Protein backbone atom coordinates (compact mmCIF):
# COMPACT_ATOMS: atom_id res chain seq x y z
CA MET A 1 93.87 130.46 138.82
CA GLY A 2 92.26 127.06 138.14
CA CYS A 3 91.14 125.80 134.74
CA GLU A 4 88.46 123.70 133.08
CA LEU A 5 89.60 120.88 130.78
CA LEU A 6 87.50 119.95 127.74
CA PRO A 7 88.58 116.93 125.61
CA LEU A 8 88.71 117.67 121.87
CA SER A 9 88.54 114.07 120.62
CA GLU A 10 88.40 110.57 122.03
CA HIS A 11 92.16 110.11 122.00
CA THR A 12 93.96 113.41 121.31
CA GLY A 13 93.56 117.05 122.30
CA VAL A 14 92.26 118.97 125.30
CA GLU A 15 91.25 122.61 125.67
CA ALA A 16 92.08 124.34 128.93
CA LYS A 17 89.67 127.18 129.64
CA GLY A 18 90.37 130.01 132.06
CA VAL A 19 94.14 130.21 131.52
CA ASP A 20 96.02 133.43 130.69
CA LEU A 21 99.72 132.81 130.04
CA SER A 22 100.50 136.51 130.33
CA ARG A 23 100.02 136.09 134.09
CA PRO A 24 101.85 133.79 136.53
CA LEU A 25 100.26 130.37 137.02
CA ASP A 26 99.74 128.90 140.46
CA ASP A 27 101.27 125.50 141.19
CA GLU A 28 97.95 123.64 140.97
CA THR A 29 97.12 125.04 137.53
CA ARG A 30 100.63 124.42 136.24
CA TRP A 31 100.48 120.80 137.43
CA ALA A 32 97.02 120.28 135.91
CA LEU A 33 98.09 121.67 132.53
CA ASN A 34 101.25 119.58 132.36
CA ARG A 35 99.32 116.46 133.37
CA ALA A 36 96.65 117.16 130.74
CA PHE A 37 99.36 117.62 128.12
CA VAL A 38 100.88 114.20 128.84
CA GLU A 39 97.47 112.53 128.85
CA HIS A 40 96.04 114.19 125.73
CA SER A 41 99.20 115.03 123.69
CA VAL A 42 97.72 118.31 122.35
CA LEU A 43 96.95 121.18 124.74
CA VAL A 44 94.93 124.16 123.45
CA LEU A 45 94.75 127.54 125.21
CA ARG A 46 92.47 129.97 123.42
CA ASP A 47 92.33 133.78 123.41
CA GLN A 48 95.99 134.29 124.29
CA THR A 49 97.04 137.88 123.57
CA LEU A 50 100.78 137.65 124.04
CA THR A 51 103.84 139.51 122.87
CA ALA A 52 106.77 137.37 121.81
CA THR A 53 108.44 138.08 125.16
CA GLN A 54 105.31 137.09 127.09
CA LEU A 55 105.11 133.90 125.07
CA ARG A 56 108.76 133.11 125.81
CA ASP A 57 108.17 133.58 129.53
CA GLY A 58 104.80 131.84 129.63
CA VAL A 59 105.84 128.62 127.91
CA GLN A 60 108.46 128.00 130.56
CA ASN A 61 105.60 126.77 132.75
CA PHE A 62 105.97 123.61 130.63
CA GLY A 63 109.74 123.26 130.28
CA GLU A 64 112.99 124.80 129.09
CA ILE A 65 113.18 126.36 125.64
CA PHE A 66 114.85 124.30 122.89
CA PRO A 67 117.03 126.21 120.38
CA GLN A 68 115.46 125.83 116.92
CA HIS A 69 117.59 124.83 113.93
CA ASN A 70 116.94 127.61 111.45
CA THR A 71 117.82 130.95 113.01
CA ARG A 72 116.71 132.90 109.90
CA PHE A 73 113.13 132.71 111.26
CA ALA A 74 113.98 134.09 114.72
CA LEU A 75 112.24 137.30 115.82
CA PRO A 76 114.84 140.07 116.25
CA GLU A 77 113.17 141.38 119.41
CA CYS A 78 112.99 137.89 120.99
CA PRO A 79 115.25 135.32 119.25
CA GLU A 80 113.92 132.37 121.28
CA ILE A 81 110.64 132.82 119.40
CA HIS A 82 110.50 132.06 115.66
CA TYR A 83 107.76 132.68 113.16
CA LEU A 84 105.96 130.54 110.59
CA SER A 85 104.66 132.34 107.52
CA ASN A 86 103.29 131.41 104.11
CA LYS A 87 104.90 134.54 102.66
CA ASP A 88 108.50 133.29 102.68
CA ARG A 89 110.12 131.93 99.53
CA TYR A 90 112.97 129.59 98.68
CA PRO A 91 116.07 131.11 97.04
CA ASP A 92 114.66 130.05 93.64
CA GLY A 93 111.55 132.20 94.22
CA SER A 94 109.07 129.37 94.85
CA ARG A 95 106.83 129.67 97.88
CA TYR A 96 107.87 128.02 101.15
CA ILE A 97 104.95 126.49 103.11
CA PRO A 98 106.22 125.57 106.59
CA GLY A 99 104.86 122.44 108.21
CA ALA A 100 103.72 120.68 105.03
CA GLY A 101 103.75 116.89 105.08
CA TYR A 102 103.52 114.62 108.11
CA HIS A 103 106.52 114.91 110.41
CA THR A 104 107.70 115.34 113.98
CA ASP A 105 109.85 118.34 114.79
CA HIS A 106 113.65 118.29 114.89
CA SER A 107 113.99 114.51 115.20
CA ASN A 108 117.51 114.91 113.79
CA SER A 109 118.62 116.18 117.20
CA GLU A 110 120.20 113.86 119.77
CA THR A 111 117.53 115.04 122.22
CA PRO A 112 114.60 116.23 120.08
CA PRO A 113 112.15 118.78 121.51
CA LYS A 114 109.45 117.23 123.66
CA ALA A 115 106.94 119.83 122.53
CA THR A 116 106.25 122.52 119.95
CA LEU A 117 103.99 125.49 120.64
CA LEU A 118 102.34 127.74 118.06
CA LEU A 119 100.48 130.99 118.72
CA ALA A 120 98.12 132.14 115.96
CA ILE A 121 98.77 135.80 115.04
CA LYS A 122 97.23 135.93 111.51
CA LEU A 123 95.07 133.28 109.86
CA PRO A 124 93.45 132.73 106.46
CA ASP A 125 89.68 133.14 106.26
CA SER A 126 89.40 129.36 105.96
CA GLY A 127 91.75 126.40 105.71
CA GLY A 128 95.23 126.09 107.21
CA ASP A 129 94.18 123.45 109.76
CA THR A 130 96.83 121.34 111.49
CA GLN A 131 96.35 117.57 111.54
CA TYR A 132 97.80 115.53 114.40
CA VAL A 133 98.32 111.76 114.34
CA ASN A 134 98.41 109.86 117.63
CA MET A 135 101.32 107.48 117.09
CA ALA A 136 100.75 105.71 120.42
CA ALA A 137 97.23 104.78 119.38
CA ALA A 138 98.58 103.75 115.99
CA TYR A 139 101.21 101.54 117.66
CA ASP A 140 98.59 99.88 119.88
CA ALA A 141 96.58 98.97 116.77
CA LEU A 142 99.49 97.31 114.95
CA PRO A 143 99.38 93.53 114.43
CA GLU A 144 101.59 91.73 116.95
CA ILE A 145 103.80 90.42 114.16
CA THR A 146 104.54 94.01 113.07
CA LYS A 147 105.27 95.09 116.64
CA GLU A 148 107.78 92.25 116.92
CA ARG A 149 109.33 93.19 113.58
CA ILE A 150 109.98 96.83 114.50
CA THR A 151 110.70 96.59 118.22
CA GLU A 152 114.50 96.58 117.89
CA LEU A 153 114.84 98.72 114.75
CA THR A 154 116.76 102.00 114.70
CA ALA A 155 116.33 104.76 112.13
CA VAL A 156 118.91 107.25 110.93
CA HIS A 157 117.62 110.85 111.11
CA VAL A 158 119.25 113.72 109.18
CA TYR A 159 118.32 117.36 108.58
CA GLN A 160 116.60 116.47 105.30
CA SER A 161 116.18 112.91 104.08
CA LYS A 162 117.10 112.18 100.48
CA HIS A 163 113.68 110.47 100.31
CA SER A 164 111.69 113.47 101.57
CA ALA A 165 108.97 114.81 99.28
CA ARG A 166 109.14 118.13 101.14
CA LYS A 167 112.02 120.50 100.56
CA LEU A 168 113.23 122.26 103.71
CA MET A 169 114.67 125.76 103.84
CA GLY A 170 118.46 125.64 103.86
CA LEU A 171 120.38 126.26 107.06
CA THR A 172 122.71 129.19 107.56
CA ASP A 173 126.42 128.35 107.89
CA GLU A 174 126.23 129.19 111.60
CA ALA A 175 123.21 126.95 112.17
CA LYS A 176 124.90 124.03 110.40
CA LYS A 177 127.58 124.00 113.12
CA ASN A 178 124.93 123.13 115.72
CA VAL A 179 122.99 120.50 113.76
CA PRO A 180 124.27 116.88 113.84
CA GLN A 181 124.99 115.18 110.52
CA ALA A 182 123.01 112.10 111.58
CA VAL A 183 121.49 110.62 114.74
CA TYR A 184 120.04 107.18 115.55
CA HIS A 185 116.62 106.81 117.19
CA PRO A 186 114.39 103.78 117.84
CA ILE A 187 111.36 103.28 115.62
CA VAL A 188 109.39 102.24 118.71
CA ARG A 189 109.73 105.01 121.27
CA THR A 190 108.69 104.84 124.93
CA HIS A 191 107.20 108.03 126.35
CA PRO A 192 109.32 109.08 129.36
CA GLU A 193 106.30 110.34 131.33
CA SER A 194 103.35 108.14 130.35
CA GLY A 195 105.32 104.97 129.59
CA ARG A 196 103.29 104.37 126.41
CA LYS A 197 104.99 103.05 123.30
CA ALA A 198 104.58 104.92 120.02
CA ILE A 199 105.75 104.61 116.42
CA TYR A 200 108.54 107.16 116.03
CA ILE A 201 109.05 107.91 112.35
CA ASN A 202 109.59 111.08 110.34
CA PRO A 203 109.23 110.99 106.53
CA ILE A 204 111.11 114.28 106.20
CA ARG A 205 114.19 113.28 108.21
CA ILE A 206 114.62 109.49 108.22
CA ASP A 207 117.31 108.60 105.69
CA SER A 208 117.56 104.88 106.39
CA ILE A 209 116.93 102.08 108.87
CA ASP A 210 120.12 100.74 110.41
CA GLY A 211 121.04 97.34 108.96
CA MET A 212 118.15 97.20 106.45
CA GLU A 213 118.25 97.36 102.67
CA GLU A 214 116.96 100.66 101.32
CA THR A 215 113.99 99.19 99.43
CA ASP A 216 112.88 97.16 102.45
CA ALA A 217 113.28 100.17 104.72
CA LEU A 218 111.24 102.45 102.47
CA ASN A 219 108.51 99.85 102.15
CA LEU A 220 108.33 99.43 105.93
CA LEU A 221 108.27 103.18 106.58
CA HIS A 222 105.52 103.62 103.98
CA GLU A 223 103.51 100.79 105.57
CA LEU A 224 103.86 102.33 109.04
CA LEU A 225 102.94 105.81 107.81
CA GLN A 226 99.86 104.66 105.90
CA HIS A 227 98.69 102.68 108.92
CA SER A 228 99.24 105.62 111.26
CA ILE A 229 97.53 108.40 109.29
CA GLN A 230 94.18 106.64 109.22
CA GLU A 231 91.44 109.03 110.28
CA GLN A 232 90.73 107.05 113.45
CA PHE A 233 94.11 108.14 114.86
CA GLN A 234 93.79 111.83 113.90
CA TYR A 235 92.78 115.07 115.59
CA ARG A 236 92.36 118.05 113.24
CA HIS A 237 92.78 121.49 114.80
CA LYS A 238 90.84 124.36 113.25
CA TRP A 239 92.70 127.48 114.27
CA ARG A 240 91.25 130.63 115.81
CA LEU A 241 93.16 133.86 116.34
CA GLY A 242 94.82 133.76 119.75
CA ASP A 243 95.02 129.97 119.87
CA LEU A 244 98.12 128.68 121.63
CA VAL A 245 98.56 125.01 120.77
CA MET A 246 101.21 122.77 122.32
CA TRP A 247 101.75 119.24 121.03
CA ASP A 248 103.88 116.29 122.05
CA ASN A 249 106.56 115.47 119.48
CA ARG A 250 107.37 112.25 121.33
CA CYS A 251 104.13 110.54 120.29
CA LEU A 252 102.57 112.56 117.45
CA LEU A 253 103.04 113.35 113.81
CA HIS A 254 101.58 116.58 112.49
CA LYS A 255 101.20 118.54 109.27
CA ALA A 256 99.94 121.97 108.26
CA ASN A 257 97.44 122.19 105.44
CA GLY A 258 98.13 124.68 102.66
CA ASP A 259 94.54 124.65 101.38
CA TYR A 260 94.05 128.42 101.06
CA ASP A 261 94.99 131.18 98.62
CA HIS A 262 98.59 132.08 99.41
CA GLU A 263 98.53 135.20 97.26
CA THR A 264 95.67 136.91 99.11
CA GLN A 265 95.64 135.14 102.51
CA SER A 266 98.20 135.15 105.32
CA ARG A 267 99.03 132.51 107.89
CA TYR A 268 101.48 133.79 110.50
CA LEU A 269 102.22 132.12 113.83
CA TYR A 270 104.84 132.37 116.54
CA ARG A 271 106.72 129.12 117.24
CA VAL A 272 108.74 127.93 120.22
CA MET A 273 109.94 124.46 121.26
CA LEU A 274 110.72 122.81 124.60
CA GLN A 275 113.68 120.67 125.55
CA GLY A 276 113.22 116.90 125.39
CA ASP A 277 115.09 113.71 126.23
CA ARG A 278 116.99 111.18 124.16
CA PRO A 279 114.44 108.75 122.66
CA PHE A 280 114.48 105.21 124.04
């Protein structure tokens, strides 16, 4: 099939032109796409007209599917694929906006997903961009004294941190059986394919830092987050219908922007994740 690769920023994001995931990929194209993903952390395939089943089959060019935590968002016709929608509400009636606030997906798993993929089905007329933060670039720019301070630290990740400003949708009783109570991951994570080090934090799921007083831990996490989300480390994706975007949870934070009218506008995407390794 072949493809043309177009960088989307100096440090993060690449668009692959000439790829149709509804059709089988040849070995050369599959290798090129996976290599581009590791090098650029965000891979964009535009104009993908895929059913949920085609998406499920197509993403396996990049890895095995990871079972998502909250099964209430699974599509009945293809449970491996979930949806994101701004039309869902919490039990108290308030609106649930998925993806709000900087985070990395499912870091409360022993082996968090290496990648998340979204396919844009419905989009607001404007707004709803996704911002990505390159945490490897952010790590490289840290002062050496900070690198030394955090190199051996381990964070405790839970489903929802008591410090999180974002409220997550509750898990079903069945889903709770498959979600660990707490896991321990390094704050400096080494990418298993590129070898680059990255800051691995998650404001939504980190409950504490092992062996550190709570106030000191919160101050450090705030310092690392504010350093990382500087504009120089960001790529902002402006969605188009049919965009399939895959990003690397091992070295990025991301957030969805809710800057559109949720009463009159819809944002609806398919979501699937890929199996990852234990962070080290």
